[in-house]
Amino acid sequence: MVINIRLIDRQIADRDDPLGRDWWGYDPDVTPEELWENNRGDWWLAKKRIEGERWAALNYQGRIVLVAELYGPCHETVSDSRTGKPKRALVGAPLPAGHPVSEALMGTQVEYRRNPVSYDPDPESAGPS
């Protein structure tokens, strides 16, 4: 499965952001690494649900704009600055252009769902990395 995260326009992060970010959301003028680092968390993600996942994608306005490979079952647990309840931040890195999974997913349309996090099938056309 692909953990698919819907982004909104770039927002200023709270002063007490648990990941120390200055901003989050979509910014077309940053590198893929910056986009990933500023949007990999903090999300309501079930630990058991994400542990076996290998791929994550960020989408904006219904189109995938970044695909990342996750590092095994790794993730960070962070506290929600408003509620104190645990949230998760994914650990991984953006895939390079030309990677089969990136090629299969980049620019594809994502079905709108109420929840900003969804789990979608792996691309059938992607082979092993």
C-alpha atoms as a PDB file:
ATOM      1  CA  MET A   1       0.000   0.000   0.000  1.00  0.00           C
ATOM      2  CA  VAL A   2       0.952   3.638  -0.444  1.00  0.00           C
ATOM      3  CA  ILE A   3       0.357   6.031   2.451  1.00  0.00           C
ATOM      4  CA  ASN A   4      -1.112   9.003   0.610  1.00  0.00           C
ATOM      5  CA  ILE A   5      -1.114  12.407   2.335  1.00  0.00           C
ATOM      6  CA  ARG A   6      -3.128  15.357   1.025  1.00  0.00           C
ATOM      7  CA  LEU A   7      -1.434  18.742   1.329  1.00  0.00           C
ATOM      8  CA  ILE A   8      -2.910  22.212   1.402  1.00  0.00           C
ATOM      9  CA  ASP A   9      -1.177  25.482   0.539  1.00  0.00           C
ATOM     10  CA  ARG A  10       1.958  26.302   2.513  1.00  0.00           C
ATOM     11  CA  GLN A  11       1.204  27.293   6.108  1.00  0.00           C
ATOM     12  CA  ILE A  12       3.340  28.798   8.865  1.00  0.00           C
ATOM     13  CA  ALA A  13       3.992  26.188  11.560  1.00  0.00           C
ATOM     14  CA  ASP A  14       3.155  26.765  15.217  1.00  0.00           C
ATOM     15  CA  ARG A  15       6.014  28.040  17.373  1.00  0.00           C
ATOM     16  CA  ASP A  16       5.980  24.767  19.301  1.00  0.00           C
ATOM     17  CA  ASP A  17       5.864  22.533  16.217  1.00  0.00           C
ATOM     18  CA  PRO A  18       6.904  19.036  17.398  1.00  0.00           C
ATOM     19  CA  LEU A  19       9.239  18.600  14.412  1.00  0.00           C
ATOM     20  CA  GLY A  20      10.770  22.076  14.666  1.00  0.00           C
ATOM     21  CA  ARG A  21       9.388  23.108  11.266  1.00  0.00           C
ATOM     22  CA  ASP A  22       8.923  26.690  10.130  1.00  0.00           C
ATOM     23  CA  TRP A  23       6.249  25.689   7.621  1.00  0.00           C
ATOM     24  CA  TRP A  24       4.243  22.796   6.221  1.00  0.00           C
ATOM     25  CA  GLY A  25       1.994  22.281   3.186  1.00  0.00           C
ATOM     26  CA  TYR A  26       2.653  22.488  -0.523  1.00  0.00           C
ATOM     27  CA  ASP A  27       5.292  24.836  -1.910  1.00  0.00           C
ATOM     28  CA  PRO A  28       6.167  24.349  -5.602  1.00  0.00           C
ATOM     29  CA  ASP A  29       9.435  26.262  -5.193  1.00  0.00           C
ATOM     30  CA  VAL A  30      11.225  23.938  -2.752  1.00  0.00           C
ATOM     31  CA  THR A  31      13.269  20.817  -3.398  1.00  0.00           C
ATOM     32  CA  PRO A  32      11.664  17.378  -3.016  1.00  0.00           C
ATOM     33  CA  GLU A  33      13.768  16.862   0.107  1.00  0.00           C
ATOM     34  CA  GLU A  34      12.450  20.082   1.677  1.00  0.00           C
ATOM     35  CA  LEU A  35       8.866  19.215   0.721  1.00  0.00           C
ATOM     36  CA  TRP A  36       9.225  15.766   2.301  1.00  0.00           C
ATOM     37  CA  GLU A  37      10.931  16.993   5.468  1.00  0.00           C
ATOM     38  CA  ASN A  38       8.242  19.611   6.080  1.00  0.00           C
ATOM     39  CA  ASN A  39       5.317  17.264   5.413  1.00  0.00           C
ATOM     40  CA  ARG A  40       6.342  13.797   6.646  1.00  0.00           C
ATOM     41  CA  GLY A  41       4.543  14.392   9.976  1.00  0.00           C
ATOM     42  CA  ASP A  42       2.721  15.049  12.241  1.00  0.00           C
ATOM     43  CA  TRP A  43      -0.227  12.849  11.279  1.00  0.00           C
ATOM     44  CA  TRP A  44      -2.773  10.620  12.980  1.00  0.00           C
ATOM     45  CA  LEU A  45      -1.332   7.329  11.721  1.00  0.00           C
ATOM     46  CA  ALA A  46      -1.960   3.948  13.307  1.00  0.00           C
ATOM     47  CA  LYS A  47       1.386   2.433  14.273  1.00  0.00           C
ATOM     48  CA  LYS A  48       0.368  -1.078  13.221  1.00  0.00           C
ATOM     49  CA  ARG A  49      -1.032   0.204   9.945  1.00  0.00           C
ATOM     50  CA  ILE A  50       2.133   2.006   8.832  1.00  0.00           C
ATOM     51  CA  GLU A  51       4.783  -0.440  10.065  1.00  0.00           C
ATOM     52  CA  GLY A  52       4.581  -2.638   6.978  1.00  0.00           C
ATOM     53  CA  GLU A  53       4.333   0.121   4.409  1.00  0.00           C
ATOM     54  CA  ARG A  54       7.148   0.883   1.995  1.00  0.00           C
ATOM     55  CA  TRP A  55       5.882   3.925   0.057  1.00  0.00           C
ATOM     56  CA  ALA A  56       4.384   7.316   0.850  1.00  0.00           C
ATOM     57  CA  ALA A  57       3.052   9.945  -1.527  1.00  0.00           C
ATOM     58  CA  LEU A  58       2.164  13.605  -1.063  1.00  0.00           C
ATOM     59  CA  ASN A  59      -0.644  14.994  -3.164  1.00  0.00           C
ATOM     60  CA  TYR A  60      -1.791  18.527  -3.824  1.00  0.00           C
ATOM     61  CA  GLN A  61      -5.031  19.518  -5.511  1.00  0.00           C
ATOM     62  CA  GLY A  62      -5.709  15.896  -6.396  1.00  0.00           C
ATOM     63  CA  ARG A  63      -2.353  15.065  -8.026  1.00  0.00           C
ATOM     64  CA  ILE A  64       0.662  13.277  -6.579  1.00  0.00           C
ATOM     65  CA  VAL A  65       3.591  15.698  -6.300  1.00  0.00           C
ATOM     66  CA  LEU A  66       6.119  13.576  -4.387  1.00  0.00           C
ATOM     67  CA  VAL A  67       6.773   9.871  -3.814  1.00  0.00           C
ATOM     68  CA  ALA A  68       9.014   8.653  -0.990  1.00  0.00           C
ATOM     69  CA  GLU A  69      10.424   5.340   0.121  1.00  0.00           C
ATOM     70  CA  LEU A  70       9.910   4.613   3.803  1.00  0.00           C
ATOM     71  CA  TYR A  71      12.703   3.155   5.909  1.00  0.00           C
ATOM     72  CA  GLY A  72      11.275  -0.121   7.159  1.00  0.00           C
ATOM     73  CA  PRO A  73       8.927   0.070  10.108  1.00  0.00           C
ATOM     74  CA  CYS A  74      10.619   3.278  11.295  1.00  0.00           C
ATOM     75  CA  HIS A  75       8.596   6.319  12.228  1.00  0.00           C
ATOM     76  CA  GLU A  76       8.779   8.997  14.887  1.00  0.00           C
ATOM     77  CA  THR A  77       6.191   9.478  17.579  1.00  0.00           C
ATOM     78  CA  VAL A  78       5.551  13.165  18.259  1.00  0.00           C
ATOM     79  CA  SER A  79       3.088  14.930  20.541  1.00  0.00           C
ATOM     80  CA  ASP A  80       0.316  17.027  19.085  1.00  0.00           C
ATOM     81  CA  SER A  81       1.040  20.535  20.367  1.00  0.00           C
ATOM     82  CA  ARG A  82      -2.673  21.189  20.861  1.00  0.00           C
ATOM     83  CA  THR A  83      -3.816  17.938  22.508  1.00  0.00           C
ATOM     84  CA  GLY A  84      -0.605  16.303  23.727  1.00  0.00           C
ATOM     85  CA  LYS A  85      -1.761  13.044  22.123  1.00  0.00           C
ATOM     86  CA  PRO A  86       0.731  11.054  20.043  1.00  0.00           C
ATOM     87  CA  LYS A  87       0.967  11.502  16.316  1.00  0.00           C
ATOM     88  CA  ARG A  88       3.397   9.991  13.841  1.00  0.00           C
ATOM     89  CA  ALA A  89       6.029  11.331  11.463  1.00  0.00           C
ATOM     90  CA  LEU A  90       7.175   9.078   8.640  1.00  0.00           C
ATOM     91  CA  VAL A  91      10.863   8.321   8.143  1.00  0.00           C
ATOM     92  CA  GLY A  92      12.136   7.982   4.592  1.00  0.00           C
ATOM     93  CA  ALA A  93      13.342   9.931   1.576  1.00  0.00           C
ATOM     94  CA  PRO A  94      11.953  11.123  -1.757  1.00  0.00           C
ATOM     95  CA  LEU A  95      12.500   8.769  -4.672  1.00  0.00           C
ATOM     96  CA  PRO A  96      14.690  10.012  -7.498  1.00  0.00           C
ATOM     97  CA  ALA A  97      13.218  10.786 -10.908  1.00  0.00           C
ATOM     98  CA  GLY A  98      13.206   7.654 -13.003  1.00  0.00           C
ATOM     99  CA  HIS A  99      12.550   5.265 -10.118  1.00  0.00           C
ATOM    100  CA  PRO A 100       9.766   2.876 -11.267  1.00  0.00           C
ATOM    101  CA  VAL A 101       7.477   3.627  -8.306  1.00  0.00           C
ATOM    102  CA  SER A 102       7.944   7.365  -8.720  1.00  0.00           C
ATOM    103  CA  GLU A 103       7.309   7.107 -12.455  1.00  0.00           C
ATOM    104  CA  ALA A 104       4.145   5.080 -11.851  1.00  0.00           C
ATOM    105  CA  LEU A 105       2.696   7.507  -9.293  1.00  0.00           C
ATOM    106  CA  MET A 106       3.929  11.050 -10.016  1.00  0.00           C
ATOM    107  CA  GLY A 107       1.191  13.254 -11.416  1.00  0.00           C
ATOM    108  CA  THR A 108      -1.533  10.651 -11.047  1.00  0.00           C
ATOM    109  CA  GLN A 109      -4.926  11.680  -9.786  1.00  0.00           C
ATOM    110  CA  VAL A 110      -5.916  10.862  -6.227  1.00  0.00           C
ATOM    111  CA  GLU A 111      -9.518  10.289  -5.256  1.00  0.00           C
ATOM    112  CA  TYR A 112     -10.687  12.933  -2.775  1.00  0.00           C
ATOM    113  CA  ARG A 113     -11.432  11.577   0.672  1.00  0.00           C
ATOM    114  CA  ARG A 114     -12.474  13.434   3.768  1.00  0.00           C
ATOM    115  CA  ASN A 115      -9.445  12.237   5.737  1.00  0.00           C
ATOM    116  CA  PRO A 116      -6.134  13.765   4.560  1.00  0.00           C
ATOM    117  CA  VAL A 117      -4.409  10.381   4.969  1.00  0.00           C
ATOM    118  CA  SER A 118      -5.436   7.413   2.851  1.00  0.00           C
ATOM    119  CA  TYR A 119      -3.975   4.058   1.940  1.00  0.00           C
ATOM    120  CA  ASP A 120      -3.931   3.219  -1.741  1.00  0.00           C
ATOM    121  CA  PRO A 121      -2.716   0.172  -3.657  1.00  0.00           C
ATOM    122  CA  ASP A 122       0.910  -0.078  -4.751  1.00  0.00           C
ATOM    123  CA  PRO A 123       1.334   0.706  -8.436  1.00  0.00           C
ATOM    124  CA  GLU A 124       1.086  -2.540 -10.389  1.00  0.00           C
ATOM    125  CA  SER A 125       3.610  -1.406 -12.951  1.00  0.00           C
ATOM    126  CA  ALA A 126       6.372  -0.806 -10.394  1.00  0.00           C
ATOM    127  CA  GLY A 127       9.024  -3.424  -9.992  1.00  0.00           C
ATOM    128  CA  PRO A 128      11.503  -3.852  -7.156  1.00  0.00           C
ATOM    129  CA  SER A 129      13.754  -0.920  -6.336  1.00  0.00           C
END
